[in-house]
C-alpha cells in the first residue's frame, strides 16, 4: 500500500523521543508523530502513552520533499459525529450594553470608541510619566533630589 497524505496506516513504534515517536510504516519508511498529535488531551510524558513495539493506527499529515513523513495518532481515531461540534471554540457573548444601540446608526459606536481611546491614551501617558519619575528618583538621574 502506498503512503499518501490523508491515508490511515498501521505502524509500529520503533523509537520514542521527548518530542514525539518514530513509527515504522513498512516499505522501509519511517514517520514521526509529534507529541501534540499523540492524544486529544495534553501529554506531558510520551512514555506514559506509547511504548516501543506498540502497534498504532496513524494518519499521514504530510510528506516533505526530503522524505520526512508527518503522522498523527489522534486524527486517525474515529470520533462520534456529535463530538465534532464540541471541538469548536466557544463564542464569546456579546456585551449587553451595546445591544440597545443596534437600532441606531454606527456613529454612536465610533464616538464611544474615540472617547475610550482618548481616555486610554491619557491614562497610559499618566502611567508612563509616573513610572519615569519613580525610576529616575531611584537611579539618581536628571531631576533627582539632592539634599
N, C-alpha and C. Protein backbone atom coordinates (compact mmCIF):
# COMPACT_ATOMS: atom_id res chain seq x y z
N UNK A 1 0.85 -1.19 0.00
CA UNK A 1 0.00 0.00 0.00
C UNK A 1 0.88 1.24 0.00
N UNK A 2 0.64 2.16 -0.91
CA UNK A 2 1.47 3.36 -0.96
C UNK A 2 1.01 4.35 0.11
N UNK A 3 1.96 5.12 0.61
CA UNK A 3 1.67 6.07 1.67
C UNK A 3 1.37 7.42 1.04
N UNK A 4 0.15 7.92 1.26
CA UNK A 4 -0.30 9.19 0.70
C UNK A 4 -0.84 10.06 1.82
N UNK A 5 -0.79 11.38 1.62
CA UNK A 5 -1.33 12.31 2.60
C UNK A 5 -2.82 12.06 2.76
N UNK A 6 -3.27 11.94 4.01
CA UNK A 6 -4.67 11.70 4.29
C UNK A 6 -5.01 10.24 4.53
N UNK A 7 -4.12 9.32 4.16
CA UNK A 7 -4.41 7.91 4.35
C UNK A 7 -4.11 7.47 5.77
N UNK A 8 -4.82 6.43 6.22
CA UNK A 8 -4.60 5.87 7.55
C UNK A 8 -3.83 4.58 7.39
N UNK A 9 -2.76 4.43 8.18
CA UNK A 9 -1.86 3.31 8.05
C UNK A 9 -1.54 2.76 9.45
N UNK A 10 -1.36 1.46 9.56
CA UNK A 10 -0.90 0.88 10.81
C UNK A 10 0.61 0.86 10.80
N UNK A 11 1.18 1.18 11.95
CA UNK A 11 2.63 1.18 12.06
C UNK A 11 3.05 0.72 13.44
N UNK A 12 4.36 0.53 13.58
CA UNK A 12 4.91 0.05 14.84
C UNK A 12 5.86 1.10 15.40
N UNK A 13 5.72 1.40 16.69
CA UNK A 13 6.58 2.37 17.35
C UNK A 13 7.99 1.78 17.44
N UNK A 14 8.96 2.48 16.82
CA UNK A 14 10.33 1.99 16.84
C UNK A 14 11.23 2.81 17.76
N UNK A 15 10.81 4.00 18.08
CA UNK A 15 11.61 4.84 18.95
C UNK A 15 10.78 5.96 19.55
N UNK A 16 11.16 6.38 20.75
CA UNK A 16 10.45 7.45 21.43
C UNK A 16 11.45 8.51 21.86
N UNK A 17 11.13 9.76 21.55
CA UNK A 17 11.93 10.90 21.98
C UNK A 17 11.01 11.82 22.79
N UNK A 18 11.58 12.82 23.45
CA UNK A 18 10.75 13.70 24.27
C UNK A 18 9.81 14.55 23.41
N UNK A 19 10.05 14.67 22.13
CA UNK A 19 9.21 15.48 21.24
C UNK A 19 8.23 14.67 20.42
N UNK A 20 8.33 13.33 20.45
CA UNK A 20 7.42 12.51 19.66
C UNK A 20 7.89 11.07 19.55
N UNK A 21 7.22 10.33 18.65
CA UNK A 21 7.54 8.91 18.47
C UNK A 21 7.78 8.61 16.99
N UNK A 22 8.74 7.73 16.74
CA UNK A 22 9.04 7.30 15.38
C UNK A 22 8.25 6.03 15.08
N UNK A 23 7.57 6.01 13.94
CA UNK A 23 6.70 4.91 13.57
C UNK A 23 7.21 4.26 12.29
N UNK A 24 7.42 2.93 12.33
CA UNK A 24 7.81 2.18 11.14
C UNK A 24 6.54 1.86 10.36
N UNK A 25 6.46 2.37 9.12
CA UNK A 25 5.28 2.20 8.30
C UNK A 25 5.41 1.05 7.31
N UNK A 26 6.51 0.33 7.34
CA UNK A 26 6.76 -0.72 6.37
C UNK A 26 7.37 -0.12 5.11
N UNK A 27 7.70 -0.93 4.16
CA UNK A 27 8.31 -0.49 2.90
C UNK A 27 9.53 0.41 3.14
N UNK A 28 10.25 0.14 4.23
CA UNK A 28 11.44 0.92 4.61
C UNK A 28 11.13 2.41 4.79
N UNK A 29 9.93 2.72 5.31
CA UNK A 29 9.55 4.11 5.54
C UNK A 29 9.23 4.31 7.01
N UNK A 30 9.72 5.43 7.54
CA UNK A 30 9.50 5.78 8.94
C UNK A 30 8.94 7.19 9.00
N UNK A 31 7.96 7.39 9.88
CA UNK A 31 7.38 8.70 10.08
C UNK A 31 7.47 9.12 11.53
N UNK A 32 7.14 10.37 11.79
CA UNK A 32 7.20 10.92 13.14
C UNK A 32 5.83 11.40 13.57
N UNK A 33 5.40 10.97 14.75
CA UNK A 33 4.20 11.50 15.38
C UNK A 33 4.68 12.50 16.42
N UNK A 34 4.41 13.79 16.21
CA UNK A 34 4.79 14.79 17.18
C UNK A 34 3.98 14.58 18.45
N UNK A 35 4.53 14.94 19.60
CA UNK A 35 3.86 14.72 20.88
C UNK A 35 2.48 15.38 20.93
N UNK A 36 2.30 16.48 20.19
CA UNK A 36 1.00 17.16 20.18
C UNK A 36 -0.04 16.39 19.38
N UNK A 37 0.39 15.41 18.58
CA UNK A 37 -0.52 14.63 17.74
C UNK A 37 -0.77 13.23 18.30
N UNK A 38 -0.33 12.97 19.52
CA UNK A 38 -0.50 11.65 20.12
C UNK A 38 -1.90 11.48 20.68
N UNK A 39 -2.42 12.52 21.35
CA UNK A 39 -3.70 12.41 22.03
C UNK A 39 -4.44 13.73 21.98
N UNK A 40 -5.78 13.67 22.15
CA UNK A 40 -6.56 14.90 22.22
C UNK A 40 -6.29 15.66 23.51
N UNK A 41 -5.89 14.95 24.55
CA UNK A 41 -5.57 15.60 25.81
C UNK A 41 -4.08 15.90 25.87
N UNK A 42 -3.68 16.75 26.83
CA UNK A 42 -2.29 17.15 26.97
C UNK A 42 -1.43 15.96 27.38
N UNK A 43 -0.31 15.78 26.70
CA UNK A 43 0.63 14.70 27.01
C UNK A 43 1.93 15.33 27.49
N UNK A 44 2.23 15.14 28.77
CA UNK A 44 3.47 15.69 29.31
C UNK A 44 4.64 14.73 29.07
N UNK A 45 4.40 13.45 29.30
CA UNK A 45 5.43 12.44 29.12
C UNK A 45 4.91 11.40 28.11
N UNK A 46 5.50 11.38 26.94
CA UNK A 46 5.03 10.49 25.86
C UNK A 46 5.19 9.02 26.24
N UNK A 47 6.13 8.72 27.14
CA UNK A 47 6.34 7.32 27.56
C UNK A 47 5.16 6.77 28.34
N UNK A 48 4.29 7.64 28.88
CA UNK A 48 3.11 7.19 29.60
C UNK A 48 2.00 6.77 28.63
N UNK A 49 2.10 7.18 27.36
CA UNK A 49 1.06 6.90 26.37
C UNK A 49 1.50 5.82 25.38
N UNK A 50 2.76 5.89 24.95
CA UNK A 50 3.26 4.94 23.94
C UNK A 50 4.46 4.17 24.46
N UNK A 51 4.70 3.01 23.87
CA UNK A 51 5.90 2.24 24.21
C UNK A 51 6.46 1.60 22.93
N UNK A 52 7.75 1.40 22.91
CA UNK A 52 8.42 0.81 21.75
C UNK A 52 7.84 -0.59 21.50
N UNK A 53 7.52 -0.86 20.23
CA UNK A 53 6.96 -2.15 19.84
C UNK A 53 5.45 -2.13 19.73
N UNK A 54 4.82 -1.09 20.23
CA UNK A 54 3.36 -0.97 20.18
C UNK A 54 2.90 -0.71 18.75
N UNK A 55 1.80 -1.34 18.33
CA UNK A 55 1.23 -1.10 17.00
C UNK A 55 0.16 -0.02 17.13
N UNK A 56 0.23 0.98 16.26
CA UNK A 56 -0.71 2.10 16.33
C UNK A 56 -1.26 2.41 14.94
N UNK A 57 -2.46 2.99 14.92
CA UNK A 57 -3.06 3.47 13.67
C UNK A 57 -2.75 4.96 13.56
N UNK A 58 -2.17 5.36 12.44
CA UNK A 58 -1.78 6.76 12.25
C UNK A 58 -2.36 7.29 10.95
N UNK A 59 -2.54 8.60 10.91
CA UNK A 59 -2.98 9.28 9.69
C UNK A 59 -1.79 10.07 9.16
N UNK A 60 -1.56 9.99 7.86
CA UNK A 60 -0.45 10.71 7.24
C UNK A 60 -0.86 12.17 7.05
N UNK A 61 -0.15 13.08 7.73
CA UNK A 61 -0.45 14.51 7.63
C UNK A 61 0.33 15.18 6.52
N UNK A 62 1.59 14.79 6.37
CA UNK A 62 2.43 15.45 5.36
C UNK A 62 3.58 14.53 4.94
N UNK A 63 4.01 14.75 3.71
CA UNK A 63 5.21 14.09 3.20
C UNK A 63 6.08 15.18 2.59
N UNK A 64 7.21 15.44 3.22
CA UNK A 64 8.10 16.50 2.77
C UNK A 64 8.92 16.04 1.55
N UNK A 65 9.49 17.01 0.86
CA UNK A 65 10.30 16.72 -0.33
C UNK A 65 11.50 15.85 0.02
N UNK A 66 12.02 16.01 1.25
CA UNK A 66 13.18 15.22 1.65
C UNK A 66 12.79 13.84 2.19
N UNK A 67 11.49 13.50 2.13
CA UNK A 67 11.04 12.17 2.52
C UNK A 67 10.51 12.05 3.94
N UNK A 68 10.58 13.13 4.71
CA UNK A 68 10.08 13.07 6.09
C UNK A 68 8.56 12.99 6.07
N UNK A 69 8.03 12.10 6.90
CA UNK A 69 6.59 11.86 6.93
C UNK A 69 6.04 12.30 8.29
N UNK A 70 5.07 13.21 8.25
CA UNK A 70 4.42 13.68 9.47
C UNK A 70 3.16 12.88 9.71
N UNK A 71 3.01 12.37 10.94
CA UNK A 71 1.89 11.48 11.26
C UNK A 71 1.09 12.01 12.45
N UNK A 72 -0.14 11.51 12.58
CA UNK A 72 -0.99 11.85 13.72
C UNK A 72 -1.75 10.62 14.19
N UNK A 73 -1.68 10.35 15.48
CA UNK A 73 -2.47 9.26 16.05
C UNK A 73 -3.87 9.78 16.38
N UNK A 74 -3.96 10.99 16.92
CA UNK A 74 -5.27 11.49 17.34
C UNK A 74 -6.20 11.76 16.17
N UNK A 75 -5.69 12.13 15.01
CA UNK A 75 -6.54 12.37 13.85
C UNK A 75 -6.93 11.07 13.14
N UNK A 76 -6.24 9.99 13.47
CA UNK A 76 -6.57 8.69 12.88
C UNK A 76 -7.72 8.02 13.61
N UNK A 77 -7.99 8.46 14.83
CA UNK A 77 -9.06 7.85 15.61
C UNK A 77 -10.41 8.35 15.13
N UNK A 78 -11.38 7.42 15.02
CA UNK A 78 -12.74 7.78 14.62
C UNK A 78 -13.42 8.48 15.78
N UNK A 79 -14.08 9.58 15.48
CA UNK A 79 -14.78 10.33 16.50
C UNK A 79 -16.28 10.27 16.22
N UNK A 80 -17.11 10.17 17.25
CA UNK A 80 -18.56 10.21 17.04
C UNK A 80 -18.98 11.54 16.42
N UNK A 81 -20.03 11.52 15.62
CA UNK A 81 -20.48 12.72 14.92
C UNK A 81 -20.88 13.83 15.88
N UNK A 82 -21.43 13.48 17.05
CA UNK A 82 -21.88 14.51 17.98
C UNK A 82 -20.72 15.20 18.68
N UNK A 83 -19.52 14.60 18.67
CA UNK A 83 -18.38 15.20 19.33
C UNK A 83 -17.76 16.32 18.50
N UNK A 84 -17.90 16.27 17.20
CA UNK A 84 -17.26 17.24 16.31
C UNK A 84 -17.65 18.68 16.61
N UNK A 85 -18.94 19.03 16.80
CA UNK A 85 -19.27 20.43 17.08
C UNK A 85 -18.68 20.94 18.39
N UNK A 86 -18.45 20.06 19.35
CA UNK A 86 -17.91 20.49 20.64
C UNK A 86 -16.48 20.98 20.52
N UNK A 87 -15.76 20.58 19.48
CA UNK A 87 -14.36 20.98 19.32
C UNK A 87 -14.21 22.43 18.90
N UNK A 88 -15.29 23.04 18.42
CA UNK A 88 -15.20 24.43 18.01
C UNK A 88 -15.00 25.32 19.22
N UNK A 89 -14.30 26.41 19.01
CA UNK A 89 -14.07 27.35 20.10
C UNK A 89 -15.39 28.01 20.50
N UNK A 90 -15.64 28.14 21.79
CA UNK A 90 -16.89 28.78 22.22
C UNK A 90 -16.89 30.25 21.82
N UNK A 91 -18.06 30.72 21.40
CA UNK A 91 -18.17 32.12 21.03
C UNK A 91 -18.41 32.94 22.27
N UNK A 92 -17.80 34.12 22.30
CA UNK A 92 -17.99 35.00 23.45
C UNK A 92 -19.35 35.66 23.36
N UNK A 93 -20.01 35.81 24.50
CA UNK A 93 -21.29 36.53 24.47
C UNK A 93 -21.06 38.00 24.15
N UNK A 94 -21.97 38.56 23.42
CA UNK A 94 -21.84 39.97 23.05
C UNK A 94 -22.15 40.83 24.28
N UNK A 95 -21.44 41.95 24.45
CA UNK A 95 -21.71 42.82 25.59
C UNK A 95 -23.15 43.34 25.54
N UNK A 96 -23.81 43.31 26.68
CA UNK A 96 -25.22 43.71 26.72
C UNK A 96 -25.39 45.22 26.62
N UNK A 97 -24.37 46.01 27.01
CA UNK A 97 -24.53 47.47 26.99
C UNK A 97 -24.61 48.03 25.57
N UNK A 98 -24.12 47.31 24.57
CA UNK A 98 -24.20 47.79 23.20
C UNK A 98 -25.41 47.24 22.46
N UNK A 99 -26.11 46.28 23.04
CA UNK A 99 -27.21 45.64 22.33
C UNK A 99 -28.37 46.61 22.10
N UNK A 100 -28.55 47.60 22.98
CA UNK A 100 -29.63 48.56 22.80
C UNK A 100 -29.37 49.54 21.67
N UNK A 101 -28.12 49.71 21.29
CA UNK A 101 -27.76 50.69 20.28
C UNK A 101 -27.79 50.13 18.87
N UNK A 102 -28.17 48.88 18.71
CA UNK A 102 -28.15 48.27 17.38
C UNK A 102 -29.13 48.95 16.44
N UNK A 103 -30.26 49.43 16.95
CA UNK A 103 -31.25 50.06 16.09
C UNK A 103 -30.76 51.42 15.61
N UNK A 104 -29.88 52.06 16.35
CA UNK A 104 -29.35 53.35 15.91
C UNK A 104 -28.22 53.14 14.91
N UNK A 105 -27.77 54.23 14.31
CA UNK A 105 -26.70 54.11 13.30
C UNK A 105 -25.35 53.85 13.96
N UNK A 106 -24.30 53.69 13.15
CA UNK A 106 -22.98 53.31 13.65
C UNK A 106 -22.22 54.48 14.25
N UNK A 107 -22.67 55.71 14.08
CA UNK A 107 -21.94 56.88 14.58
C UNK A 107 -21.75 56.85 16.10
N UNK A 108 -22.75 56.50 16.91
CA UNK A 108 -22.52 56.49 18.35
C UNK A 108 -21.43 55.50 18.76
N UNK A 109 -21.32 54.35 18.10
CA UNK A 109 -20.27 53.40 18.41
C UNK A 109 -18.90 54.02 18.15
N UNK A 110 -18.76 54.75 17.06
CA UNK A 110 -17.49 55.37 16.73
C UNK A 110 -17.13 56.40 17.78
N UNK A 111 -18.11 57.19 18.22
CA UNK A 111 -17.84 58.17 19.27
C UNK A 111 -17.44 57.46 20.56
N UNK A 112 -18.11 56.37 20.87
CA UNK A 112 -17.75 55.62 22.06
C UNK A 112 -16.32 55.12 21.95
N UNK A 113 -15.95 54.62 20.79
CA UNK A 113 -14.59 54.12 20.60
C UNK A 113 -13.59 55.26 20.75
N UNK A 114 -13.86 56.39 20.11
CA UNK A 114 -12.95 57.53 20.19
C UNK A 114 -12.77 58.00 21.63
N UNK A 115 -13.86 58.08 22.36
CA UNK A 115 -13.75 58.53 23.76
C UNK A 115 -12.98 57.50 24.59
N UNK A 116 -13.24 56.22 24.32
CA UNK A 116 -12.49 55.18 25.04
C UNK A 116 -11.01 55.24 24.70
N UNK A 117 -10.70 55.45 23.43
CA UNK A 117 -9.30 55.53 23.02
C UNK A 117 -8.61 56.73 23.65
N UNK A 118 -9.29 57.87 23.66
CA UNK A 118 -8.71 59.08 24.26
C UNK A 118 -8.45 58.88 25.74
N UNK A 119 -9.39 58.27 26.45
CA UNK A 119 -9.19 58.05 27.89
C UNK A 119 -8.06 57.04 28.12
N UNK A 120 -7.97 56.03 27.24
CA UNK A 120 -6.88 55.07 27.37
C UNK A 120 -5.52 55.75 27.16
N UNK A 121 -5.42 56.58 26.11
CA UNK A 121 -4.16 57.27 25.84
C UNK A 121 -3.76 58.18 26.99
N UNK A 122 -4.72 58.90 27.54
CA UNK A 122 -4.43 59.80 28.67
C UNK A 122 -3.95 59.00 29.87
N UNK A 123 -4.65 57.92 30.17
CA UNK A 123 -4.28 57.07 31.30
C UNK A 123 -2.90 56.47 31.08
N UNK A 124 -2.62 56.04 29.85
CA UNK A 124 -1.33 55.45 29.53
C UNK A 124 -0.20 56.46 29.70
N UNK A 125 -0.41 57.69 29.23
CA UNK A 125 0.61 58.74 29.38
C UNK A 125 0.85 59.05 30.85
N UNK A 126 -0.21 59.10 31.64
CA UNK A 126 -0.06 59.35 33.07
C UNK A 126 0.76 58.25 33.74
N UNK A 127 0.48 57.02 33.38
CA UNK A 127 1.22 55.90 33.97
C UNK A 127 2.69 55.93 33.57
N UNK A 128 2.96 56.25 32.29
CA UNK A 128 4.35 56.33 31.84
C UNK A 128 5.11 57.44 32.57
N UNK A 129 4.46 58.58 32.76
CA UNK A 129 5.08 59.70 33.47
C UNK A 129 5.41 59.29 34.90
N UNK A 130 4.47 58.65 35.56
CA UNK A 130 4.69 58.19 36.93
C UNK A 130 5.83 57.18 36.99
N UNK A 131 5.88 56.28 36.05
CA UNK A 131 6.93 55.28 36.01
C UNK A 131 8.29 55.92 35.79
N UNK A 132 8.37 56.89 34.88
CA UNK A 132 9.64 57.58 34.62
C UNK A 132 10.12 58.31 35.86
N UNK A 133 9.19 59.00 36.54
CA UNK A 133 9.58 59.73 37.77
C UNK A 133 10.13 58.78 38.81
N UNK A 134 9.46 57.66 39.02
CA UNK A 134 9.90 56.74 40.08
C UNK A 134 11.25 56.11 39.74
N UNK A 135 11.49 55.77 38.46
CA UNK A 135 12.78 55.17 38.11
C UNK A 135 13.90 56.19 38.15
N UNK A 136 13.64 57.43 37.76
CA UNK A 136 14.68 58.45 37.82
C UNK A 136 15.06 58.74 39.27
N UNK A 137 14.08 58.77 40.16
CA UNK A 137 14.38 59.02 41.57
C UNK A 137 15.22 57.89 42.15
N UNK A 138 14.99 56.68 41.77
CA UNK A 138 15.75 55.55 42.30
C UNK A 138 17.16 55.52 41.74
N UNK A 139 17.34 55.95 40.49
CA UNK A 139 18.67 55.91 39.86
C UNK A 139 19.48 57.15 40.20
N UNK A 140 18.82 58.20 40.63
CA UNK A 140 19.52 59.44 40.84
C UNK A 140 19.81 60.13 39.52
N UNK A 141 18.94 59.96 38.57
CA UNK A 141 19.12 60.56 37.26
C UNK A 141 18.80 62.04 37.25
N UNK A 142 18.61 62.57 36.07
CA UNK A 142 18.29 64.00 35.95
C UNK A 142 17.06 64.34 36.76
N UNK A 143 17.12 65.48 37.40
CA UNK A 143 15.97 65.94 38.16
C UNK A 143 15.83 65.25 39.50
N UNK A 144 16.80 64.42 39.84
CA UNK A 144 16.74 63.73 41.12
C UNK A 144 16.96 64.71 42.27
N UNK A 145 16.41 64.41 43.41
CA UNK A 145 16.55 65.32 44.57
C UNK A 145 17.94 65.20 45.18
N UNK A 146 18.45 66.33 45.55
CA UNK A 146 19.73 66.34 46.26
C UNK A 146 19.53 67.04 47.58
N UNK A 147 20.13 66.49 48.59
CA UNK A 147 19.83 67.07 49.89
C UNK A 147 20.99 67.54 50.62
